């Protein structure tokens, strides 16, 4: 089983997705960024686009994001965005 990290996708309206994830790919202003467990600390700007999240169960979720920010640290990824809609 792959190592996991805590994931949270949050908008001003509340939490859209939260749980244990194996992998995520975020659309950032510098291009797409892939994140696995034990990723180095990072803060980045998220651009409008589709993010991919592979959950601990193996289920893949695609969520359309508006602009925002992501914080990666201590095996936790928090995405703050204005809007998030599951595809």
PDB file of N, CA and C in Angstrom:
ATOM      1  N   UNK A   1       0.835  -1.181   0.000  1.00  0.00           N
ATOM      2  CA  UNK A   1       0.000   0.000   0.000  1.00  0.00           C
ATOM      3  C   UNK A   1       0.881   1.245   0.000  1.00  0.00           C
ATOM      4  N   UNK A   2       0.502   2.230  -0.794  1.00  0.00           N
ATOM      5  CA  UNK A   2       1.268   3.468  -0.894  1.00  0.00           C
ATOM      6  C   UNK A   2       1.104   4.300   0.372  1.00  0.00           C
ATOM      7  N   UNK A   3       2.100   5.104   0.652  1.00  0.00           N
ATOM      8  CA  UNK A   3       2.032   6.032   1.769  1.00  0.00           C
ATOM      9  C   UNK A   3       1.039   7.142   1.448  1.00  0.00           C
ATOM     10  N   UNK A   4       0.354   7.647   2.452  1.00  0.00           N
ATOM     11  CA  UNK A   4      -0.680   8.656   2.231  1.00  0.00           C
ATOM     12  C   UNK A   4      -0.374   9.946   2.988  1.00  0.00           C
ATOM     13  N   UNK A   5      -1.101  10.974   2.625  1.00  0.00           N
ATOM     14  CA  UNK A   5      -1.030  12.264   3.306  1.00  0.00           C
ATOM     15  C   UNK A   5      -2.451  12.778   3.506  1.00  0.00           C
ATOM     16  N   UNK A   6      -2.609  13.703   4.443  1.00  0.00           N
ATOM     17  CA  UNK A   6      -3.926  14.290   4.698  1.00  0.00           C
ATOM     18  C   UNK A   6      -4.202  15.351   3.632  1.00  0.00           C
ATOM     19  N   UNK A   7      -5.397  15.317   3.067  1.00  0.00           N
ATOM     20  CA  UNK A   7      -5.783  16.252   2.016  1.00  0.00           C
ATOM     21  C   UNK A   7      -7.042  17.000   2.421  1.00  0.00           C
ATOM     22  N   UNK A   8      -7.045  18.306   2.151  1.00  0.00           N
ATOM     23  CA  UNK A   8      -8.254  19.108   2.350  1.00  0.00           C
ATOM     24  C   UNK A   8      -8.366  20.115   1.212  1.00  0.00           C
ATOM     25  N   UNK A   9      -9.543  20.154   0.571  1.00  0.00           N
ATOM     26  CA  UNK A   9      -9.859  21.164  -0.436  1.00  0.00           C
ATOM     27  C   UNK A   9     -10.989  21.991   0.152  1.00  0.00           C
ATOM     28  N   UNK A  10     -10.739  23.293   0.307  1.00  0.00           N
ATOM     29  CA  UNK A  10     -11.701  24.141   1.000  1.00  0.00           C
ATOM     30  C   UNK A  10     -11.999  25.404   0.216  1.00  0.00           C
ATOM     31  N   UNK A  11     -13.278  25.800   0.225  1.00  0.00           N
ATOM     32  CA  UNK A  11     -13.740  27.054  -0.373  1.00  0.00           C
ATOM     33  C   UNK A  11     -14.322  27.905   0.757  1.00  0.00           C
ATOM     34  N   UNK A  12     -14.683  29.157   0.479  1.00  0.00           N
ATOM     35  CA  UNK A  12     -15.333  29.962   1.517  1.00  0.00           C
ATOM     36  C   UNK A  12     -16.636  29.311   2.019  1.00  0.00           C
ATOM     37  N   UNK A  13     -17.251  28.466   1.205  1.00  0.00           N
ATOM     38  CA  UNK A  13     -18.490  27.800   1.590  1.00  0.00           C
ATOM     39  C   UNK A  13     -18.298  26.558   2.443  1.00  0.00           C
ATOM     40  N   UNK A  14     -17.077  26.079   2.552  1.00  0.00           N
ATOM     41  CA  UNK A  14     -16.817  24.892   3.368  1.00  0.00           C
ATOM     42  C   UNK A  14     -15.849  23.930   2.718  1.00  0.00           C
ATOM     43  N   UNK A  15     -15.720  22.768   3.333  1.00  0.00           N
ATOM     44  CA  UNK A  15     -14.794  21.738   2.862  1.00  0.00           C
ATOM     45  C   UNK A  15     -15.463  20.943   1.737  1.00  0.00           C
ATOM     46  N   UNK A  16     -14.782  20.856   0.606  1.00  0.00           N
ATOM     47  CA  UNK A  16     -15.284  20.140  -0.563  1.00  0.00           C
ATOM     48  C   UNK A  16     -14.794  18.691  -0.562  1.00  0.00           C
ATOM     49  N   UNK A  17     -13.565  18.479  -0.121  1.00  0.00           N
ATOM     50  CA  UNK A  17     -12.971  17.140  -0.098  1.00  0.00           C
ATOM     51  C   UNK A  17     -11.976  17.081   1.045  1.00  0.00           C
ATOM     52  N   UNK A  18     -12.054  16.018   1.828  1.00  0.00           N
ATOM     53  CA  UNK A  18     -11.085  15.827   2.907  1.00  0.00           C
ATOM     54  C   UNK A  18     -10.900  14.337   3.129  1.00  0.00           C
ATOM     55  N   UNK A  19      -9.662  13.925   3.331  1.00  0.00           N
ATOM     56  CA  UNK A  19      -9.378  12.523   3.587  1.00  0.00           C
ATOM     57  C   UNK A  19      -7.914  12.215   3.353  1.00  0.00           C
ATOM     58  N   UNK A  20      -7.601  10.928   3.304  1.00  0.00           N
ATOM     59  CA  UNK A  20      -6.247  10.467   3.062  1.00  0.00           C
ATOM     60  C   UNK A  20      -6.073  10.243   1.560  1.00  0.00           C
ATOM     61  N   UNK A  21      -4.997  10.782   1.012  1.00  0.00           N
ATOM     62  CA  UNK A  21      -4.721  10.670  -0.418  1.00  0.00           C
ATOM     63  C   UNK A  21      -3.334  10.082  -0.643  1.00  0.00           C
ATOM     64  N   UNK A  22      -3.185   9.380  -1.768  1.00  0.00           N
ATOM     65  CA  UNK A  22      -1.886   8.832  -2.171  1.00  0.00           C
ATOM     66  C   UNK A  22      -1.143   9.792  -3.085  1.00  0.00           C
ATOM     67  N   UNK A  23      -1.906  10.580  -3.860  1.00  0.00           N
ATOM     68  CA  UNK A  23      -1.299  11.434  -4.885  1.00  0.00           C
ATOM     69  C   UNK A  23      -2.254  12.565  -5.227  1.00  0.00           C
ATOM     70  N   UNK A  24      -1.696  13.709  -5.576  1.00  0.00           N
ATOM     71  CA  UNK A  24      -2.525  14.759  -6.165  1.00  0.00           C
ATOM     72  C   UNK A  24      -1.702  15.523  -7.194  1.00  0.00           C
ATOM     73  N   UNK A  25      -2.411  16.031  -8.185  1.00  0.00           N
ATOM     74  CA  UNK A  25      -1.815  16.855  -9.222  1.00  0.00           C
ATOM     75  C   UNK A  25      -2.588  18.165  -9.242  1.00  0.00           C
ATOM     76  N   UNK A  26      -1.886  19.267  -9.025  1.00  0.00           N
ATOM     77  CA  UNK A  26      -2.519  20.581  -8.935  1.00  0.00           C
ATOM     78  C   UNK A  26      -2.104  21.474 -10.094  1.00  0.00           C
ATOM     79  N   UNK A  27      -3.051  22.238 -10.643  1.00  0.00           N
ATOM     80  CA  UNK A  27      -2.698  23.226 -11.675  1.00  0.00           C
ATOM     81  C   UNK A  27      -2.176  24.487 -10.980  1.00  0.00           C
ATOM     82  N   UNK A  28      -0.910  24.779 -11.127  1.00  0.00           N
ATOM     83  CA  UNK A  28      -0.332  25.964 -10.484  1.00  0.00           C
ATOM     84  C   UNK A  28       0.096  26.974 -11.549  1.00  0.00           C
ATOM     85  N   UNK A  29       0.456  28.147 -11.094  1.00  0.00           N
ATOM     86  CA  UNK A  29       0.887  29.188 -12.028  1.00  0.00           C
ATOM     87  C   UNK A  29       2.207  28.831 -12.706  1.00  0.00           C
ATOM     88  N   UNK A  30       2.936  27.856 -12.145  1.00  0.00           N
ATOM     89  CA  UNK A  30       4.203  27.413 -12.735  1.00  0.00           C
ATOM     90  C   UNK A  30       4.059  26.093 -13.492  1.00  0.00           C
ATOM     91  N   UNK A  31       2.829  25.638 -13.714  1.00  0.00           N
ATOM     92  CA  UNK A  31       2.576  24.370 -14.380  1.00  0.00           C
ATOM     93  C   UNK A  31       1.956  23.382 -13.413  1.00  0.00           C
ATOM     94  N   UNK A  32       1.772  22.168 -13.869  1.00  0.00           N
ATOM     95  CA  UNK A  32       1.159  21.132 -13.043  1.00  0.00           C
ATOM     96  C   UNK A  32       2.187  20.599 -12.046  1.00  0.00           C
ATOM     97  N   UNK A  33       1.762  20.412 -10.790  1.00  0.00           N
ATOM     98  CA  UNK A  33       2.647  19.915  -9.737  1.00  0.00           C
ATOM     99  C   UNK A  33       2.054  18.633  -9.170  1.00  0.00           C
ATOM    100  N   UNK A  34       2.843  17.572  -9.150  1.00  0.00           N
ATOM    101  CA  UNK A  34       2.433  16.311  -8.547  1.00  0.00           C
ATOM    102  C   UNK A  34       2.964  16.217  -7.135  1.00  0.00           C
ATOM    103  N   UNK A  35       2.133  15.710  -6.228  1.00  0.00           N
ATOM    104  CA  UNK A  35       2.506  15.630  -4.815  1.00  0.00           C
ATOM    105  C   UNK A  35       2.239  14.223  -4.304  1.00  0.00           C
ATOM    106  N   UNK A  36       3.245  13.662  -3.642  1.00  0.00           N
ATOM    107  CA  UNK A  36       3.162  12.373  -2.969  1.00  0.00           C
ATOM    108  C   UNK A  36       3.439  12.589  -1.483  1.00  0.00           C
ATOM    109  N   UNK A  37       3.265  11.549  -0.673  1.00  0.00           N
ATOM    110  CA  UNK A  37       3.597  11.635   0.748  1.00  0.00           C
ATOM    111  C   UNK A  37       5.062  12.037   0.916  1.00  0.00           C
ATOM    112  N   UNK A  38       5.360  12.733   1.987  1.00  0.00           N
ATOM    113  CA  UNK A  38       6.711  13.200   2.334  1.00  0.00           C
ATOM    114  C   UNK A  38       7.257  14.242   1.362  1.00  0.00           C
ATOM    115  N   UNK A  39       6.370  14.940   0.652  1.00  0.00           N
ATOM    116  CA  UNK A  39       6.798  16.016  -0.252  1.00  0.00           C
ATOM    117  C   UNK A  39       7.432  17.136   0.578  1.00  0.00           C
ATOM    118  N   UNK A  40       8.393  17.813   0.005  1.00  0.00           N
ATOM    119  CA  UNK A  40       9.028  18.955   0.666  1.00  0.00           C
ATOM    120  C   UNK A  40       7.991  20.056   0.911  1.00  0.00           C
ATOM    121  N   UNK A  41       8.154  20.843   1.981  1.00  0.00           N
ATOM    122  CA  UNK A  41       7.226  21.950   2.236  1.00  0.00           C
ATOM    123  C   UNK A  41       7.186  22.904   1.046  1.00  0.00           C
ATOM    124  N   UNK A  42       5.973  23.397   0.760  1.00  0.00           N
ATOM    125  CA  UNK A  42       5.802  24.267  -0.396  1.00  0.00           C
ATOM    126  C   UNK A  42       4.508  25.055  -0.237  1.00  0.00           C
ATOM    127  N   UNK A  43       4.542  26.298  -0.678  1.00  0.00           N
ATOM    128  CA  UNK A  43       3.334  27.102  -0.824  1.00  0.00           C
ATOM    129  C   UNK A  43       3.321  27.553  -2.269  1.00  0.00           C
ATOM    130  N   UNK A  44       2.174  27.386  -2.953  1.00  0.00           N
ATOM    131  CA  UNK A  44       2.124  27.775  -4.356  1.00  0.00           C
ATOM    132  C   UNK A  44       0.761  28.362  -4.697  1.00  0.00           C
ATOM    133  N   UNK A  45       0.755  29.172  -5.750  1.00  0.00           N
ATOM    134  CA  UNK A  45      -0.489  29.736  -6.270  1.00  0.00           C
ATOM    135  C   UNK A  45      -1.138  28.702  -7.184  1.00  0.00           C
ATOM    136  N   UNK A  46      -2.434  28.490  -6.992  1.00  0.00           N
ATOM    137  CA  UNK A  46      -3.205  27.565  -7.826  1.00  0.00           C
ATOM    138  C   UNK A  46      -3.930  28.383  -8.882  1.00  0.00           C
ATOM    139  N   UNK A  47      -3.834  27.935 -10.130  1.00  0.00           N
ATOM    140  CA  UNK A  47      -4.555  28.626 -11.202  1.00  0.00           C
ATOM    141  C   UNK A  47      -5.842  27.861 -11.493  1.00  0.00           C
ATOM    142  N   UNK A  48      -6.724  28.481 -12.241  1.00  0.00           N
ATOM    143  CA  UNK A  48      -7.959  27.819 -12.625  1.00  0.00           C
ATOM    144  C   UNK A  48      -7.628  26.599 -13.476  1.00  0.00           C
ATOM    145  N   UNK A  49      -8.248  25.483 -13.149  1.00  0.00           N
ATOM    146  CA  UNK A  49      -7.998  24.254 -13.889  1.00  0.00           C
ATOM    147  C   UNK A  49      -8.512  23.054 -13.122  1.00  0.00           C
ATOM    148  N   UNK A  50      -8.172  21.871 -13.605  1.00  0.00           N
ATOM    149  CA  UNK A  50      -8.650  20.633 -12.994  1.00  0.00           C
ATOM    150  C   UNK A  50      -7.534  19.960 -12.206  1.00  0.00           C
ATOM    151  N   UNK A  51      -7.836  19.633 -10.963  1.00  0.00           N
ATOM    152  CA  UNK A  51      -6.908  18.914 -10.093  1.00  0.00           C
ATOM    153  C   UNK A  51      -7.329  17.451 -10.035  1.00  0.00           C
ATOM    154  N   UNK A  52      -6.348  16.573  -9.913  1.00  0.00           N
ATOM    155  CA  UNK A  52      -6.597  15.140  -9.790  1.00  0.00           C
ATOM    156  C   UNK A  52      -6.160  14.701  -8.399  1.00  0.00           C
ATOM    157  N   UNK A  53      -7.024  13.959  -7.729  1.00  0.00           N
ATOM    158  CA  UNK A  53      -6.713  13.441  -6.398  1.00  0.00           C
ATOM    159  C   UNK A  53      -6.947  11.939  -6.396  1.00  0.00           C
ATOM    160  N   UNK A  54      -5.910  11.149  -6.064  1.00  0.00           N
ATOM    161  CA  UNK A  54      -6.051   9.700  -5.908  1.00  0.00           C
ATOM    162  C   UNK A  54      -6.123   9.428  -4.413  1.00  0.00           C
ATOM    163  N   UNK A  55      -7.293   8.986  -3.983  1.00  0.00           N
ATOM    164  CA  UNK A  55      -7.540   8.779  -2.569  1.00  0.00           C
ATOM    165  C   UNK A  55      -6.952   7.448  -2.107  1.00  0.00           C
ATOM    166  N   UNK A  56      -6.873   7.256  -0.793  1.00  0.00           N
ATOM    167  CA  UNK A  56      -6.302   6.047  -0.202  1.00  0.00           C
ATOM    168  C   UNK A  56      -7.007   4.788  -0.719  1.00  0.00           C
ATOM    169  N   UNK A  57      -8.288   4.890  -0.995  1.00  0.00           N
ATOM    170  CA  UNK A  57      -9.083   3.758  -1.484  1.00  0.00           C
ATOM    171  C   UNK A  57      -8.749   3.389  -2.933  1.00  0.00           C
ATOM    172  N   UNK A  58      -8.011   4.257  -3.621  1.00  0.00           N
ATOM    173  CA  UNK A  58      -7.707   4.052  -5.037  1.00  0.00           C
ATOM    174  C   UNK A  58      -8.632   4.848  -5.942  1.00  0.00           C
ATOM    175  N   UNK A  59      -9.718   5.368  -5.376  1.00  0.00           N
ATOM    176  CA  UNK A  59     -10.663   6.179  -6.153  1.00  0.00           C
ATOM    177  C   UNK A  59      -9.985   7.475  -6.598  1.00  0.00           C
ATOM    178  N   UNK A  60     -10.210   7.853  -7.843  1.00  0.00           N
ATOM    179  CA  UNK A  60      -9.669   9.112  -8.360  1.00  0.00           C
ATOM    180  C   UNK A  60     -10.786  10.133  -8.476  1.00  0.00           C
ATOM    181  N   UNK A  61     -10.509  11.322  -7.990  1.00  0.00           N
ATOM    182  CA  UNK A  61     -11.472  12.416  -8.057  1.00  0.00           C
ATOM    183  C   UNK A  61     -10.852  13.554  -8.844  1.00  0.00           C
ATOM    184  N   UNK A  62     -11.630  14.114  -9.756  1.00  0.00           N
ATOM    185  CA  UNK A  62     -11.193  15.277 -10.516  1.00  0.00           C
ATOM    186  C   UNK A  62     -12.073  16.445 -10.076  1.00  0.00           C
ATOM    187  N   UNK A  63     -11.409  17.523  -9.676  1.00  0.00           N
ATOM    188  CA  UNK A  63     -12.129  18.691  -9.180  1.00  0.00           C
ATOM    189  C   UNK A  63     -11.660  19.922  -9.935  1.00  0.00           C
ATOM    190  N   UNK A  64     -12.609  20.639 -10.489  1.00  0.00           N
ATOM    191  CA  UNK A  64     -12.322  21.895 -11.185  1.00  0.00           C
ATOM    192  C   UNK A  64     -12.154  22.977 -10.126  1.00  0.00           C
ATOM    193  N   UNK A  65     -10.997  23.667 -10.156  1.00  0.00           N
ATOM    194  CA  UNK A  65     -10.668  24.695  -9.171  1.00  0.00           C
ATOM    195  C   UNK A  65     -10.638  26.073  -9.815  1.00  0.00           C
ATOM    196  N   UNK A  66     -10.991  27.092  -9.035  1.00  0.00           N
ATOM    197  CA  UNK A  66     -10.725  28.468  -9.445  1.00  0.00           C
ATOM    198  C   UNK A  66      -9.373  28.841  -8.833  1.00  0.00           C
ATOM    199  N   UNK A  67      -8.969  30.080  -8.992  1.00  0.00           N
ATOM    200  CA  UNK A  67      -7.676  30.507  -8.447  1.00  0.00           C
ATOM    201  C   UNK A  67      -7.665  30.384  -6.931  1.00  0.00           C
ATOM    202  N   UNK A  68      -6.471  30.140  -6.403  1.00  0.00           N
ATOM    203  CA  UNK A  68      -6.334  30.005  -4.958  1.00  0.00           C
ATOM    204  C   UNK A  68      -4.892  29.757  -4.579  1.00  0.00           C
ATOM    205  N   UNK A  69      -4.697  28.991  -3.512  1.00  0.00           N
ATOM    206  CA  UNK A  69      -3.352  28.688  -3.014  1.00  0.00           C
ATOM    207  C   UNK A  69      -3.341  27.286  -2.426  1.00  0.00           C
ATOM    208  N   UNK A  70      -2.152  26.694  -2.415  1.00  0.00           N
ATOM    209  CA  UNK A  70      -1.977  25.372  -1.806  1.00  0.00           C
ATOM    210  C   UNK A  70      -0.806  25.429  -0.835  1.00  0.00           C
ATOM    211  N   UNK A  71      -0.967  24.752   0.286  1.00  0.00           N
ATOM    212  CA  UNK A  71       0.078  24.667   1.300  1.00  0.00           C
ATOM    213  C   UNK A  71       0.395  23.193   1.521  1.00  0.00           C
ATOM    214  N   UNK A  72       1.666  22.832   1.343  1.00  0.00           N
ATOM    215  CA  UNK A  72       2.118  21.452   1.520  1.00  0.00           C
ATOM    216  C   UNK A  72       3.129  21.457   2.653  1.00  0.00           C
ATOM    217  N   UNK A  73       2.837  20.692   3.712  1.00  0.00           N
ATOM    218  CA  UNK A  73       3.803  20.566   4.810  1.00  0.00           C
ATOM    219  C   UNK A  73       3.362  19.466   5.761  1.00  0.00           C
ATOM    220  N   UNK A  74       4.316  18.813   6.383  1.00  0.00           N
ATOM    221  CA  UNK A  74       4.052  17.785   7.393  1.00  0.00           C
ATOM    222  C   UNK A  74       3.043  16.741   6.925  1.00  0.00           C
ATOM    223  N   UNK A  75       3.232  16.233   5.711  1.00  0.00           N
ATOM    224  CA  UNK A  75       2.345  15.218   5.138  1.00  0.00           C
ATOM    225  C   UNK A  75       0.887  15.661   5.125  1.00  0.00           C
ATOM    226  N   UNK A  76       0.698  16.923   4.782  1.00  0.00           N
ATOM    227  CA  UNK A  76      -0.642  17.492   4.677  1.00  0.00           C
ATOM    228  C   UNK A  76      -0.670  18.456   3.491  1.00  0.00           C
ATOM    229  N   UNK A  77      -1.739  18.391   2.701  1.00  0.00           N
ATOM    230  CA  UNK A  77      -1.940  19.303   1.572  1.00  0.00           C
ATOM    231  C   UNK A  77      -3.276  20.004   1.784  1.00  0.00           C
ATOM    232  N   UNK A  78      -3.239  21.323   1.852  1.00  0.00           N
ATOM    233  CA  UNK A  78      -4.450  22.121   1.983  1.00  0.00           C
ATOM    234  C   UNK A  78      -4.559  23.014   0.765  1.00  0.00           C
ATOM    235  N   UNK A  79      -5.685  22.903   0.063  1.00  0.00           N
ATOM    236  CA  UNK A  79      -5.956  23.733  -1.116  1.00  0.00           C
ATOM    237  C   UNK A  79      -7.088  24.688  -0.741  1.00  0.00           C
ATOM    238  N   UNK A  80      -6.822  25.978  -0.823  1.00  0.00           N
ATOM    239  CA  UNK A  80      -7.827  27.013  -0.576  1.00  0.00           C
ATOM    240  C   UNK A  80      -8.163  27.657  -1.904  1.00  0.00           C
ATOM    241  N   UNK A  81      -9.440  27.643  -2.274  1.00  0.00           N
ATOM    242  CA  UNK A  81      -9.850  28.143  -3.577  1.00  0.00           C
ATOM    243  C   UNK A  81     -11.230  28.768  -3.468  1.00  0.00           C
ATOM    244  N   UNK A  82     -11.529  29.671  -4.381  1.00  0.00           N
ATOM    245  CA  UNK A  82     -12.829  30.344  -4.372  1.00  0.00           C
ATOM    246  C   UNK A  82     -13.964  29.399  -4.705  1.00  0.00           C
ATOM    247  N   UNK A  83     -13.743  28.523  -5.690  1.00  0.00           N
ATOM    248  CA  UNK A  83     -14.755  27.558  -6.119  1.00  0.00           C
ATOM    249  C   UNK A  83     -14.097  26.215  -6.391  1.00  0.00           C
ATOM    250  N   UNK A  84     -14.811  25.142  -6.089  1.00  0.00           N
ATOM    251  CA  UNK A  84     -14.328  23.790  -6.387  1.00  0.00           C
ATOM    252  C   UNK A  84     -15.543  22.945  -6.741  1.00  0.00           C
ATOM    253  N   UNK A  85     -15.472  22.322  -7.910  1.00  0.00           N
ATOM    254  CA  UNK A  85     -16.608  21.548  -8.406  1.00  0.00           C
ATOM    255  C   UNK A  85     -16.126  20.209  -8.898  1.00  0.00           C
ATOM    256  N   UNK A  86     -16.682  19.122  -8.352  1.00  0.00           N
ATOM    257  CA  UNK A  86     -16.276  17.779  -8.756  1.00  0.00           C
ATOM    258  C   UNK A  86     -16.725  17.516 -10.194  1.00  0.00           C
ATOM    259  N   UNK A  87     -15.832  16.934 -10.991  1.00  0.00           N
ATOM    260  CA  UNK A  87     -16.107  16.648 -12.404  1.00  0.00           C
ATOM    261  C   UNK A  87     -16.667  15.255 -12.564  1.00  0.00           C
TER     262      UNK A  87
END
